[in-house]
Every structure is written in structure tokens, then in C-alpha cells.
Amino acid sequence: MHDTPHYPLRGLLKRLIEPFATGHGGRVPLGPDEWETLRRQVPFIATLTPEEAERLKGLVEELLGTREFVGIESEPTPGQCRMIAAYAALPVLELGLAPYRDWRTLVLYPDTFVPEHEWVDEDGIVHQGAMPQSGEAWERGPVILSWADVVRDGAVVVHEMTHVLDAGNGDVNGFPPLARDHSAADWTRDFTAAYEALVEAVENDVPEDQLPLDPYAATAPEEFLAVAAEAFFFEPQGLREALPAVYDHLVRYFRQEPHRRAAAIATQGTHLPHEISA
């Protein structure tokens, strides 16, 4: 989700604290033991080439040194921050951190949170409601995550960071900034066709196991992109077979070919207690 909800003020003043760490030129170096622990806890790292893994490590160190990690109820532990940073670094492994320029803060809840949302329906009627969330990305604002959901499925981090990338064109609408040689018309045509076909399938009650993506992708074009990004990185062979045009566009956008790493990659951490202390 990317709507701006209303949050209780309690705890949010913690955003004023200093960033997670400073004093290393915008980086927090990971020692050998810290890096090895992170490799054990985040399954996708094992699928990277040595060169990719080293780039990921550098991005994690930079994220830890330049972004603010704020906890609700308790401050995030260094281990929690490292794990989240690893998943956040994956989409920009070949892009660098420039696409994250408008994202500065990560707010971490201990479990699923229930923000209030306001929206306007097609008749112009304003509605308000509270919906449980595992993650949210505010336009030009913080990314908000539930630690319990990150532990269950690290792909939620990639989902929300895809919304951050999507916002690079000034709006979250399923159309992120593309390279000059990447046809915007082709992207729009192929993503629109795939999205509309999914919406039709969901409306016709096609069984979920016969859909190319989780049905949540049918709720809006921006959610289609974020769910497709999850599949791209963690179920690449399935996405490549079900939606080849979408997969090819994401290969060009992210400059990665996850299907060459593995057909599917686990997103639930291993050797991972509920809370990481170091």
C-alpha cells in the first residue's frame, strides 16, 4: 500500500533521533561475522555471484549509514536493520541507491499494524477505515514495515521498496522511471494487458492457484508492479513462464536475471530468532 495513513503520535517523535550510525563516510562497515550471519539469515544472498554479493554488502553498509531506522515500542536491533537493508538493496543491486533518493526513514512495528486510511470512491464519496498492513510506503516519505511479517516473508521489503522506485516519476502508478532505451509505450502496453487480464480473471473467480500472480496484484496497477517484483526476485521462473513480457521488462528495468540464480528462492529467513539482537 502507498496511501498516507493517520498514525498515533506516540513513538513517531523517535524520527528525530540520529541515523542508525554515522562516522564511516556514510557507511556502516560489516565485520566478517556480521556478514556471515546475514548470509545465513537471508536466503537469496547464497544465490548471488561473489561479485553480486560484494556489491550487495556495499549497498547494505551504505543504507545502514545513510538511512534512519525507527522503531515503534522499541528501537530496531542492528541485526533487524541489517536484514531489512539486505532485502531493500536487492532491487537496486545494479542501479545503486540513487533511485532511493527520496526515501530516508524506515519505521518498524513489531507486528502487523492497523493504520486509518481515507479514500474517495468513483462516486466522489469519501470513506475512512482501518486495514491491517504488513508494510506501507509513503510517497516521498518513510517506508513502514512489520517485523513479524519481514520474518515470515522478506519479500514484503522488496514490495514496499518497489513502491519507492515507482514513485520516481512523481506518482505511484505502476510506471517507474525507465532507461532511455526502454520503450515507455511497450512497458505501458505489456503491463496494461497483463494487469487487465489478471483483473478479469480475479473478477471471474479463477482459482488462485491458476493465476499468474497473487490476486492482490489486481487491486491497482501499482500493486501489480510491486507483486510482480516480488515474483521476479523470488519466483522468477514462474513469472517468466506465466508473464514473459512482464518478466522481460523487469529484467531490463532492474538489470538482473533472477531466473539464472534459481527457479525459486526462499523468503523466510533461516537461523532467525523472532528478534535479532546483534
C-alpha atoms as a PDB file:
ATOM      1  CA  MET A   1       0.000   0.000   0.000  1.00  0.00           C
ATOM      2  CA  HIS A   2       1.161   3.548  -0.511  1.00  0.00           C
ATOM      3  CA  ASP A   3      -1.640   5.721   0.855  1.00  0.00           C
ATOM      4  CA  THR A   4      -0.752   8.177   3.589  1.00  0.00           C
ATOM      5  CA  PRO A   5      -2.496   6.984   6.768  1.00  0.00           C
ATOM      6  CA  HIS A   6      -3.059   8.742  10.061  1.00  0.00           C
ATOM      7  CA  TYR A   7      -0.783   7.341  12.761  1.00  0.00           C
ATOM      8  CA  PRO A   8      -0.818   7.875  16.504  1.00  0.00           C
ATOM      9  CA  LEU A   9       1.786  10.399  17.538  1.00  0.00           C
ATOM     10  CA  ARG A  10       3.088   8.070  20.212  1.00  0.00           C
ATOM     11  CA  GLY A  11       6.501   6.858  19.238  1.00  0.00           C
ATOM     12  CA  LEU A  12       6.822   8.791  15.998  1.00  0.00           C
ATOM     13  CA  LEU A  13       8.871  11.545  17.638  1.00  0.00           C
ATOM     14  CA  LYS A  14      11.635   8.975  17.569  1.00  0.00           C
ATOM     15  CA  ARG A  15      12.167  10.009  13.963  1.00  0.00           C
ATOM     16  CA  LEU A  16      14.160  12.896  15.368  1.00  0.00           C
ATOM     17  CA  ILE A  17      16.880  10.616  16.651  1.00  0.00           C
ATOM     18  CA  GLU A  18      20.222  10.372  14.901  1.00  0.00           C
ATOM     19  CA  PRO A  19      20.533   7.959  11.977  1.00  0.00           C
ATOM     20  CA  PHE A  20      21.359   4.359  12.770  1.00  0.00           C
ATOM     21  CA  ALA A  21      25.083   5.009  12.608  1.00  0.00           C
ATOM     22  CA  THR A  22      27.492   7.670  11.409  1.00  0.00           C
ATOM     23  CA  GLY A  23      31.187   8.347  11.270  1.00  0.00           C
ATOM     24  CA  HIS A  24      32.200   5.993   8.438  1.00  0.00           C
ATOM     25  CA  GLY A  25      31.714   8.271   5.454  1.00  0.00           C
ATOM     26  CA  GLY A  26      28.035   7.337   5.120  1.00  0.00           C
ATOM     27  CA  ARG A  27      28.684   3.616   5.626  1.00  0.00           C
ATOM     28  CA  VAL A  28      28.447   1.156   8.498  1.00  0.00           C
ATOM     29  CA  PRO A  29      31.091  -1.491   7.771  1.00  0.00           C
ATOM     30  CA  LEU A  30      30.009  -5.084   8.359  1.00  0.00           C
ATOM     31  CA  GLY A  31      32.577  -7.288  10.030  1.00  0.00           C
ATOM     32  CA  PRO A  32      33.159 -10.844   8.763  1.00  0.00           C
ATOM     33  CA  ASP A  33      30.995 -12.386  11.493  1.00  0.00           C
ATOM     34  CA  GLU A  34      28.145  -9.908  10.877  1.00  0.00           C
ATOM     35  CA  TRP A  35      28.240 -10.557   7.137  1.00  0.00           C
ATOM     36  CA  GLU A  36      28.349 -14.313   7.579  1.00  0.00           C
ATOM     37  CA  THR A  37      25.389 -14.160   9.972  1.00  0.00           C
ATOM     38  CA  LEU A  38      23.433 -12.063   7.465  1.00  0.00           C
ATOM     39  CA  ARG A  39      24.237 -14.552   4.690  1.00  0.00           C
ATOM     40  CA  ARG A  40      22.769 -17.353   6.813  1.00  0.00           C
ATOM     41  CA  GLN A  41      19.654 -15.365   7.668  1.00  0.00           C
ATOM     42  CA  VAL A  42      18.782 -14.075   4.177  1.00  0.00           C
ATOM     43  CA  PRO A  43      18.483 -16.997   1.719  1.00  0.00           C
ATOM     44  CA  PHE A  44      18.781 -15.053  -1.545  1.00  0.00           C
ATOM     45  CA  ILE A  45      22.344 -13.955  -0.780  1.00  0.00           C
ATOM     46  CA  ALA A  46      23.553 -17.517  -1.363  1.00  0.00           C
ATOM     47  CA  THR A  47      22.262 -17.366  -4.958  1.00  0.00           C
ATOM     48  CA  LEU A  48      24.348 -14.310  -5.872  1.00  0.00           C
ATOM     49  CA  THR A  49      27.701 -14.467  -7.609  1.00  0.00           C
ATOM     50  CA  PRO A  50      30.670 -13.373  -5.471  1.00  0.00           C
ATOM     51  CA  GLU A  51      30.716 -10.053  -7.324  1.00  0.00           C
ATOM     52  CA  GLU A  52      26.992  -9.505  -6.770  1.00  0.00           C
ATOM     53  CA  ALA A  53      27.289 -10.430  -3.105  1.00  0.00           C
ATOM     54  CA  GLU A  54      30.087  -7.914  -2.630  1.00  0.00           C
ATOM     55  CA  ARG A  55      28.001  -5.187  -4.286  1.00  0.00           C
ATOM     56  CA  LEU A  56      25.061  -6.095  -2.078  1.00  0.00           C
ATOM     57  CA  LYS A  57      27.251  -5.881   1.014  1.00  0.00           C
ATOM     58  CA  GLY A  58      28.376  -2.390  -0.004  1.00  0.00           C
ATOM     59  CA  LEU A  59      24.781  -1.261  -0.516  1.00  0.00           C
ATOM     60  CA  VAL A  60      23.750  -2.686   2.864  1.00  0.00           C
ATOM     61  CA  GLU A  61      26.584  -0.804   4.545  1.00  0.00           C
ATOM     62  CA  GLU A  62      25.575   2.406   2.787  1.00  0.00           C
ATOM     63  CA  LEU A  63      21.904   2.020   3.671  1.00  0.00           C
ATOM     64  CA  LEU A  64      22.770   1.451   7.324  1.00  0.00           C
ATOM     65  CA  GLY A  65      24.869   4.590   7.355  1.00  0.00           C
ATOM     66  CA  THR A  66      22.556   6.922   5.457  1.00  0.00           C
ATOM     67  CA  ARG A  67      19.009   5.897   6.376  1.00  0.00           C
ATOM     68  CA  GLU A  68      17.163   6.246   9.668  1.00  0.00           C
ATOM     69  CA  PHE A  69      15.718   3.112  11.262  1.00  0.00           C
ATOM     70  CA  VAL A  70      12.995   3.991  13.780  1.00  0.00           C
ATOM     71  CA  GLY A  71      11.153   1.525  15.979  1.00  0.00           C
ATOM     72  CA  ILE A  72       7.667   1.674  17.420  1.00  0.00           C
ATOM     73  CA  GLU A  73       7.636   0.347  21.005  1.00  0.00           C
ATOM     74  CA  SER A  74      11.378  -0.435  20.861  1.00  0.00           C
ATOM     75  CA  GLU A  75      14.320   0.551  18.722  1.00  0.00           C
ATOM     76  CA  PRO A  76      15.280  -1.849  15.932  1.00  0.00           C
ATOM     77  CA  THR A  77      18.273  -4.010  16.738  1.00  0.00           C
ATOM     78  CA  PRO A  78      21.349  -3.858  14.488  1.00  0.00           C
ATOM     79  CA  GLY A  79      20.501  -7.352  13.240  1.00  0.00           C
ATOM     80  CA  GLN A  80      16.987  -6.310  12.255  1.00  0.00           C
ATOM     81  CA  CYS A  81      18.337  -3.271  10.411  1.00  0.00           C
ATOM     82  CA  ARG A  82      20.887  -5.361   8.534  1.00  0.00           C
ATOM     83  CA  MET A  83      18.290  -7.887   7.417  1.00  0.00           C
ATOM     84  CA  ILE A  84      15.882  -5.221   6.187  1.00  0.00           C
ATOM     85  CA  ALA A  85      18.708  -3.384   4.430  1.00  0.00           C
ATOM     86  CA  ALA A  86      19.705  -6.579   2.601  1.00  0.00           C
ATOM     87  CA  TYR A  87      16.227  -7.034   1.141  1.00  0.00           C
ATOM     88  CA  ALA A  88      15.992  -3.313   0.352  1.00  0.00           C
ATOM     89  CA  ALA A  89      19.313  -3.466  -1.505  1.00  0.00           C
ATOM     90  CA  LEU A  90      18.275  -6.332  -3.793  1.00  0.00           C
ATOM     91  CA  PRO A  91      16.082  -4.303  -6.217  1.00  0.00           C
ATOM     92  CA  VAL A  92      18.847  -1.703  -6.675  1.00  0.00           C
ATOM     93  CA  LEU A  93      21.742  -4.155  -6.834  1.00  0.00           C
ATOM     94  CA  GLU A  94      22.591  -2.957 -10.357  1.00  0.00           C
ATOM     95  CA  LEU A  95      21.078   0.532 -10.055  1.00  0.00           C
ATOM     96  CA  GLY A  96      22.773   1.914  -6.957  1.00  0.00           C
ATOM     97  CA  LEU A  97      20.989   3.945  -4.302  1.00  0.00           C
ATOM     98  CA  ALA A  98      20.138   6.974  -6.474  1.00  0.00           C
ATOM     99  CA  PRO A  99      16.562   5.705  -7.127  1.00  0.00           C
ATOM    100  CA  TYR A 100      16.046   5.730  -3.340  1.00  0.00           C
ATOM    101  CA  ARG A 101      16.973   9.399  -3.057  1.00  0.00           C
ATOM    102  CA  ASP A 102      13.553  10.395  -1.670  1.00  0.00           C
ATOM    103  CA  TRP A 103      13.494   7.624   0.920  1.00  0.00           C
ATOM    104  CA  ARG A 104      15.245   8.450   4.183  1.00  0.00           C
ATOM    105  CA  THR A 105      13.373   6.677   7.015  1.00  0.00           C
ATOM    106  CA  LEU A 106      12.314   3.124   7.863  1.00  0.00           C
ATOM    107  CA  VAL A 107       9.663   2.780  10.578  1.00  0.00           C
ATOM    108  CA  LEU A 108       9.448  -0.683  12.106  1.00  0.00           C
ATOM    109  CA  TYR A 109       6.438  -2.021  14.004  1.00  0.00           C
ATOM    110  CA  PRO A 110       6.795  -5.251  15.993  1.00  0.00           C
ATOM    111  CA  ASP A 111       3.804  -6.814  14.233  1.00  0.00           C
ATOM    112  CA  THR A 112       1.030  -6.072  11.747  1.00  0.00           C
ATOM    113  CA  PHE A 113      -0.195  -2.511  12.192  1.00  0.00           C
ATOM    114  CA  VAL A 114      -3.636  -1.041  11.548  1.00  0.00           C
ATOM    115  CA  PRO A 115      -3.489   2.491  10.112  1.00  0.00           C
ATOM    116  CA  GLU A 116      -6.535   4.549   9.243  1.00  0.00           C
ATOM    117  CA  HIS A 117      -6.983   5.267   5.553  1.00  0.00           C
ATOM    118  CA  GLU A 118      -9.096   7.787   3.702  1.00  0.00           C
ATOM    119  CA  TRP A 119     -10.115   7.258   0.089  1.00  0.00           C
ATOM    120  CA  VAL A 120     -12.612   8.581  -2.450  1.00  0.00           C
ATOM    121  CA  ASP A 121     -14.729   6.152  -4.441  1.00  0.00           C
ATOM    122  CA  GLU A 122     -15.760   6.530  -8.080  1.00  0.00           C
ATOM    123  CA  ASP A 123     -18.866   8.467  -6.992  1.00  0.00           C
ATOM    124  CA  GLY A 124     -16.787  11.040  -5.119  1.00  0.00           C
ATOM    125  CA  ILE A 125     -17.774   9.785  -1.667  1.00  0.00           C
ATOM    126  CA  VAL A 126     -15.031   9.972   0.964  1.00  0.00           C
ATOM    127  CA  HIS A 127     -14.556   6.835   3.063  1.00  0.00           C
ATOM    128  CA  GLN A 128     -12.445   6.135   6.133  1.00  0.00           C
ATOM    129  CA  GLY A 129     -11.385   2.796   7.508  1.00  0.00           C
ATOM    130  CA  ALA A 130      -8.651   0.847   9.270  1.00  0.00           C
ATOM    131  CA  MET A 131      -6.943  -2.021   7.479  1.00  0.00           C
ATOM    132  CA  PRO A 132      -4.211  -4.305   8.863  1.00  0.00           C
ATOM    133  CA  GLN A 133      -0.954  -3.891   6.967  1.00  0.00           C
ATOM    134  CA  SER A 134       2.387  -5.688   6.825  1.00  0.00           C
ATOM    135  CA  GLY A 135       4.022  -2.754   5.066  1.00  0.00           C
ATOM    136  CA  GLU A 136       3.454   0.656   3.516  1.00  0.00           C
ATOM    137  CA  ALA A 137       5.480   3.135   1.517  1.00  0.00           C
ATOM    138  CA  TRP A 138       4.515   6.794   1.717  1.00  0.00           C
ATOM    139  CA  GLU A 139       5.165   8.914  -1.343  1.00  0.00           C
ATOM    140  CA  ARG A 140       8.388  10.838  -0.638  1.00  0.00           C
ATOM    141  CA  GLY A 141       8.128   9.653   2.948  1.00  0.00           C
ATOM    142  CA  PRO A 142       9.040   6.712   5.158  1.00  0.00           C
ATOM    143  CA  VAL A 143       8.708   3.035   4.447  1.00  0.00           C
ATOM    144  CA  ILE A 144       6.799   1.260   7.222  1.00  0.00           C
ATOM    145  CA  LEU A 145       7.194  -2.441   7.942  1.00  0.00           C
ATOM    146  CA  SER A 146       6.041  -5.074  10.400  1.00  0.00           C
ATOM    147  CA  TRP A 147       8.990  -7.064  11.748  1.00  0.00           C
ATOM    148  CA  ALA A 148       6.842 -10.165  12.243  1.00  0.00           C
ATOM    149  CA  ASP A 149       5.908 -10.043   8.553  1.00  0.00           C
ATOM    150  CA  VAL A 150       9.502  -9.471   7.468  1.00  0.00           C
ATOM    151  CA  VAL A 151      10.493 -12.599   9.396  1.00  0.00           C
ATOM    152  CA  ARG A 152       7.690 -14.593   7.751  1.00  0.00           C
ATOM    153  CA  ASP A 153       8.338 -13.277   4.241  1.00  0.00           C
ATOM    154  CA  GLY A 154      11.207 -10.931   3.430  1.00  0.00           C
ATOM    155  CA  ALA A 155       9.591 -10.234   0.045  1.00  0.00           C
ATOM    156  CA  VAL A 156       7.430  -7.632   1.807  1.00  0.00           C
ATOM    157  CA  VAL A 157      10.521  -5.393   1.903  1.00  0.00           C
ATOM    158  CA  VAL A 158      11.007  -5.726  -1.859  1.00  0.00           C
ATOM    159  CA  HIS A 159       7.294  -4.993  -2.341  1.00  0.00           C
ATOM    160  CA  GLU A 160       7.456  -1.705  -0.440  1.00  0.00           C
ATOM    161  CA  MET A 161      10.781  -0.659  -1.947  1.00  0.00           C
ATOM    162  CA  THR A 162       9.275  -1.206  -5.398  1.00  0.00           C
ATOM    163  CA  HIS A 163       6.695   1.435  -4.483  1.00  0.00           C
ATOM    164  CA  VAL A 164       9.601   3.771  -3.655  1.00  0.00           C
ATOM    165  CA  LEU A 165      11.098   3.122  -7.082  1.00  0.00           C
ATOM    166  CA  ASP A 166       7.690   3.520  -8.714  1.00  0.00           C
ATOM    167  CA  ALA A 167       7.354   6.989  -7.154  1.00  0.00           C
ATOM    168  CA  GLY A 168      10.414   8.188  -9.045  1.00  0.00           C
ATOM    169  CA  ASN A 169       8.187   9.605 -11.796  1.00  0.00           C
ATOM    170  CA  GLY A 170       6.312  11.727  -9.244  1.00  0.00           C
ATOM    171  CA  ASP A 171       3.435   9.310  -8.651  1.00  0.00           C
ATOM    172  CA  VAL A 172       2.967   5.696  -7.584  1.00  0.00           C
ATOM    173  CA  ASN A 173       1.126   4.259 -10.557  1.00  0.00           C
ATOM    174  CA  GLY A 174       2.998   1.217 -11.831  1.00  0.00           C
ATOM    175  CA  PHE A 175       5.191   3.249 -14.179  1.00  0.00           C
ATOM    176  CA  PRO A 176       8.670   3.880 -12.735  1.00  0.00           C
ATOM    177  CA  PRO A 177      11.385   5.908 -14.487  1.00  0.00           C
ATOM    178  CA  LEU A 178      12.779   3.860 -17.352  1.00  0.00           C
ATOM    179  CA  ALA A 179      16.142   3.963 -19.094  1.00  0.00           C
ATOM    180  CA  ARG A 180      16.252   5.986 -22.306  1.00  0.00           C
ATOM    181  CA  ASP A 181      16.421   2.873 -24.451  1.00  0.00           C
ATOM    182  CA  HIS A 182      13.484   1.224 -22.644  1.00  0.00           C
ATOM    183  CA  SER A 183      10.277   1.983 -24.524  1.00  0.00           C
ATOM    184  CA  ALA A 184       7.630   3.563 -22.306  1.00  0.00           C
ATOM    185  CA  ALA A 185       4.988   2.640 -24.870  1.00  0.00           C
ATOM    186  CA  ASP A 186       5.998  -1.025 -24.785  1.00  0.00           C
ATOM    187  CA  TRP A 187       6.031  -1.042 -20.961  1.00  0.00           C
ATOM    188  CA  THR A 188       2.572   0.532 -20.816  1.00  0.00           C
ATOM    189  CA  ARG A 189       1.151  -1.832 -23.417  1.00  0.00           C
ATOM    190  CA  ASP A 190       2.501  -5.009 -21.856  1.00  0.00           C
ATOM    191  CA  PHE A 191       1.841  -4.138 -18.221  1.00  0.00           C
ATOM    192  CA  THR A 192      -1.656  -2.855 -19.010  1.00  0.00           C
ATOM    193  CA  ALA A 193      -2.533  -6.034 -20.893  1.00  0.00           C
ATOM    194  CA  ALA A 194      -1.226  -8.267 -18.092  1.00  0.00           C
ATOM    195  CA  TYR A 195      -2.932  -6.225 -15.388  1.00  0.00           C
ATOM    196  CA  GLU A 196      -6.298  -6.128 -17.160  1.00  0.00           C
ATOM    197  CA  ALA A 197      -6.155  -9.874 -17.835  1.00  0.00           C
ATOM    198  CA  LEU A 198      -5.468 -10.508 -14.138  1.00  0.00           C
ATOM    199  CA  VAL A 199      -8.321  -8.233 -13.063  1.00  0.00           C
ATOM    200  CA  GLU A 200     -10.689 -10.089 -15.385  1.00  0.00           C
ATOM    201  CA  ALA A 201      -9.514 -13.453 -14.069  1.00  0.00           C
ATOM    202  CA  VAL A 202      -9.994 -12.385 -10.451  1.00  0.00           C
ATOM    203  CA  GLU A 203     -13.442 -10.960 -11.190  1.00  0.00           C
ATOM    204  CA  ASN A 204     -14.372 -14.262 -12.856  1.00  0.00           C
ATOM    205  CA  ASP A 205     -13.303 -16.190  -9.741  1.00  0.00           C
ATOM    206  CA  VAL A 206     -10.470 -18.051 -11.415  1.00  0.00           C
ATOM    207  CA  PRO A 207      -8.858 -20.204  -8.668  1.00  0.00           C
ATOM    208  CA  GLU A 208      -5.893 -18.512  -7.056  1.00  0.00           C
ATOM    209  CA  ASP A 209      -3.528 -21.342  -7.941  1.00  0.00           C
ATOM    210  CA  GLN A 210      -4.324 -20.725 -11.615  1.00  0.00           C
ATOM    211  CA  LEU A 211      -3.475 -17.024 -11.507  1.00  0.00           C
ATOM    212  CA  PRO A 212      -0.069 -15.768 -12.670  1.00  0.00           C
ATOM    213  CA  LEU A 213       0.265 -13.560  -9.566  1.00  0.00           C
ATOM    214  CA  ASP A 214      -1.257 -13.185  -6.130  1.00  0.00           C
ATOM    215  CA  PRO A 215      -4.759 -11.703  -6.579  1.00  0.00           C
ATOM    216  CA  TYR A 216      -3.696  -8.632  -4.573  1.00  0.00           C
ATOM    217  CA  ALA A 217      -1.881  -7.570  -7.747  1.00  0.00           C
ATOM    218  CA  ALA A 218      -5.300  -6.938  -9.319  1.00  0.00           C
ATOM    219  CA  THR A 219      -6.186  -4.160  -6.867  1.00  0.00           C
ATOM    220  CA  ALA A 220      -4.279  -1.400  -8.706  1.00  0.00           C
ATOM    221  CA  PRO A 221      -1.523  -1.028 -11.342  1.00  0.00           C
ATOM    222  CA  GLU A 222       0.992  -0.008  -8.676  1.00  0.00           C
ATOM    223  CA  GLU A 223       0.224  -3.152  -6.678  1.00  0.00           C
ATOM    224  CA  PHE A 224       0.558  -5.228  -9.830  1.00  0.00           C
ATOM    225  CA  LEU A 225       4.075  -3.874 -10.286  1.00  0.00           C
ATOM    226  CA  ALA A 226       5.038  -4.463  -6.641  1.00  0.00           C
ATOM    227  CA  VAL A 227       3.679  -8.028  -6.584  1.00  0.00           C
ATOM    228  CA  ALA A 228       5.326  -8.732  -9.948  1.00  0.00           C
ATOM    229  CA  ALA A 229       8.631  -7.514  -8.484  1.00  0.00           C
ATOM    230  CA  GLU A 230       8.256  -9.975  -5.610  1.00  0.00           C
ATOM    231  CA  ALA A 231       7.723 -12.789  -8.104  1.00  0.00           C
ATOM    232  CA  PHE A 232      10.582 -11.528 -10.286  1.00  0.00           C
ATOM    233  CA  PHE A 233      13.125 -11.843  -7.500  1.00  0.00           C
ATOM    234  CA  PHE A 234      11.809 -14.851  -5.606  1.00  0.00           C
ATOM    235  CA  GLU A 235       9.772 -16.918  -8.110  1.00  0.00           C
ATOM    236  CA  PRO A 236      11.498 -15.873 -11.325  1.00  0.00           C
ATOM    237  CA  GLN A 237      10.938 -18.997 -13.361  1.00  0.00           C
ATOM    238  CA  GLY A 238       7.205 -18.971 -12.651  1.00  0.00           C
ATOM    239  CA  LEU A 239       6.874 -15.308 -13.641  1.00  0.00           C
ATOM    240  CA  ARG A 240       8.998 -15.835 -16.747  1.00  0.00           C
ATOM    241  CA  GLU A 241       6.709 -18.629 -17.888  1.00  0.00           C
ATOM    242  CA  ALA A 242       3.385 -17.019 -16.917  1.00  0.00           C
ATOM    243  CA  LEU A 243       4.071 -13.413 -17.943  1.00  0.00           C
ATOM    244  CA  PRO A 244       7.107 -13.409 -20.246  1.00  0.00           C
ATOM    245  CA  ALA A 245       6.661  -9.830 -21.458  1.00  0.00           C
ATOM    246  CA  VAL A 246       6.418  -8.521 -17.891  1.00  0.00           C
ATOM    247  CA  TYR A 247       9.452 -10.561 -16.881  1.00  0.00           C
ATOM    248  CA  ASP A 248      11.490  -9.220 -19.792  1.00  0.00           C
ATOM    249  CA  HIS A 249      10.611  -5.628 -18.903  1.00  0.00           C
ATOM    250  CA  LEU A 250      11.671  -6.207 -15.300  1.00  0.00           C
ATOM    251  CA  VAL A 251      14.959  -7.723 -16.487  1.00  0.00           C
ATOM    252  CA  ARG A 252      15.642  -4.521 -18.397  1.00  0.00           C
ATOM    253  CA  TYR A 253      14.467  -2.286 -15.566  1.00  0.00           C
ATOM    254  CA  PHE A 254      16.318  -3.961 -12.675  1.00  0.00           C
ATOM    255  CA  ARG A 255      19.227  -5.104 -14.905  1.00  0.00           C
ATOM    256  CA  GLN A 256      19.091  -8.525 -13.290  1.00  0.00           C
ATOM    257  CA  GLU A 257      18.130 -12.034 -14.444  1.00  0.00           C
ATOM    258  CA  PRO A 258      16.996 -13.854 -11.309  1.00  0.00           C
ATOM    259  CA  HIS A 259      15.968 -16.993 -13.222  1.00  0.00           C
ATOM    260  CA  ARG A 260      19.672 -17.678 -13.770  1.00  0.00           C
ATOM    261  CA  ARG A 261      20.165 -17.801  -9.987  1.00  0.00           C
ATOM    262  CA  ALA A 262      17.362 -20.226  -9.144  1.00  0.00           C
ATOM    263  CA  ALA A 263      13.838 -21.120 -10.245  1.00  0.00           C
ATOM    264  CA  ALA A 264      12.529 -20.046  -6.834  1.00  0.00           C
ATOM    265  CA  ILE A 265      14.210 -18.549  -3.788  1.00  0.00           C
ATOM    266  CA  ALA A 266      13.057 -18.790  -0.174  1.00  0.00           C
ATOM    267  CA  THR A 267      11.978 -15.575   1.529  1.00  0.00           C
ATOM    268  CA  GLN A 268      11.702 -16.847   5.093  1.00  0.00           C
ATOM    269  CA  GLY A 269      14.927 -16.362   6.990  1.00  0.00           C
ATOM    270  CA  THR A 270      16.886 -19.236   8.457  1.00  0.00           C
ATOM    271  CA  HIS A 271      18.794 -19.324  11.762  1.00  0.00           C
ATOM    272  CA  LEU A 272      16.498 -16.481  12.674  1.00  0.00           C
ATOM    273  CA  PRO A 273      15.019 -15.868  16.136  1.00  0.00           C
ATOM    274  CA  HIS A 274      11.956 -13.637  16.357  1.00  0.00           C
ATOM    275  CA  GLU A 275      14.192 -10.750  17.388  1.00  0.00           C
ATOM    276  CA  ILE A 276      17.820 -10.405  16.301  1.00  0.00           C
ATOM    277  CA  SER A 277      19.996  -8.887  18.989  1.00  0.00           C
ATOM    278  CA  ALA A 278      23.162  -8.318  17.011  1.00  0.00           C
END
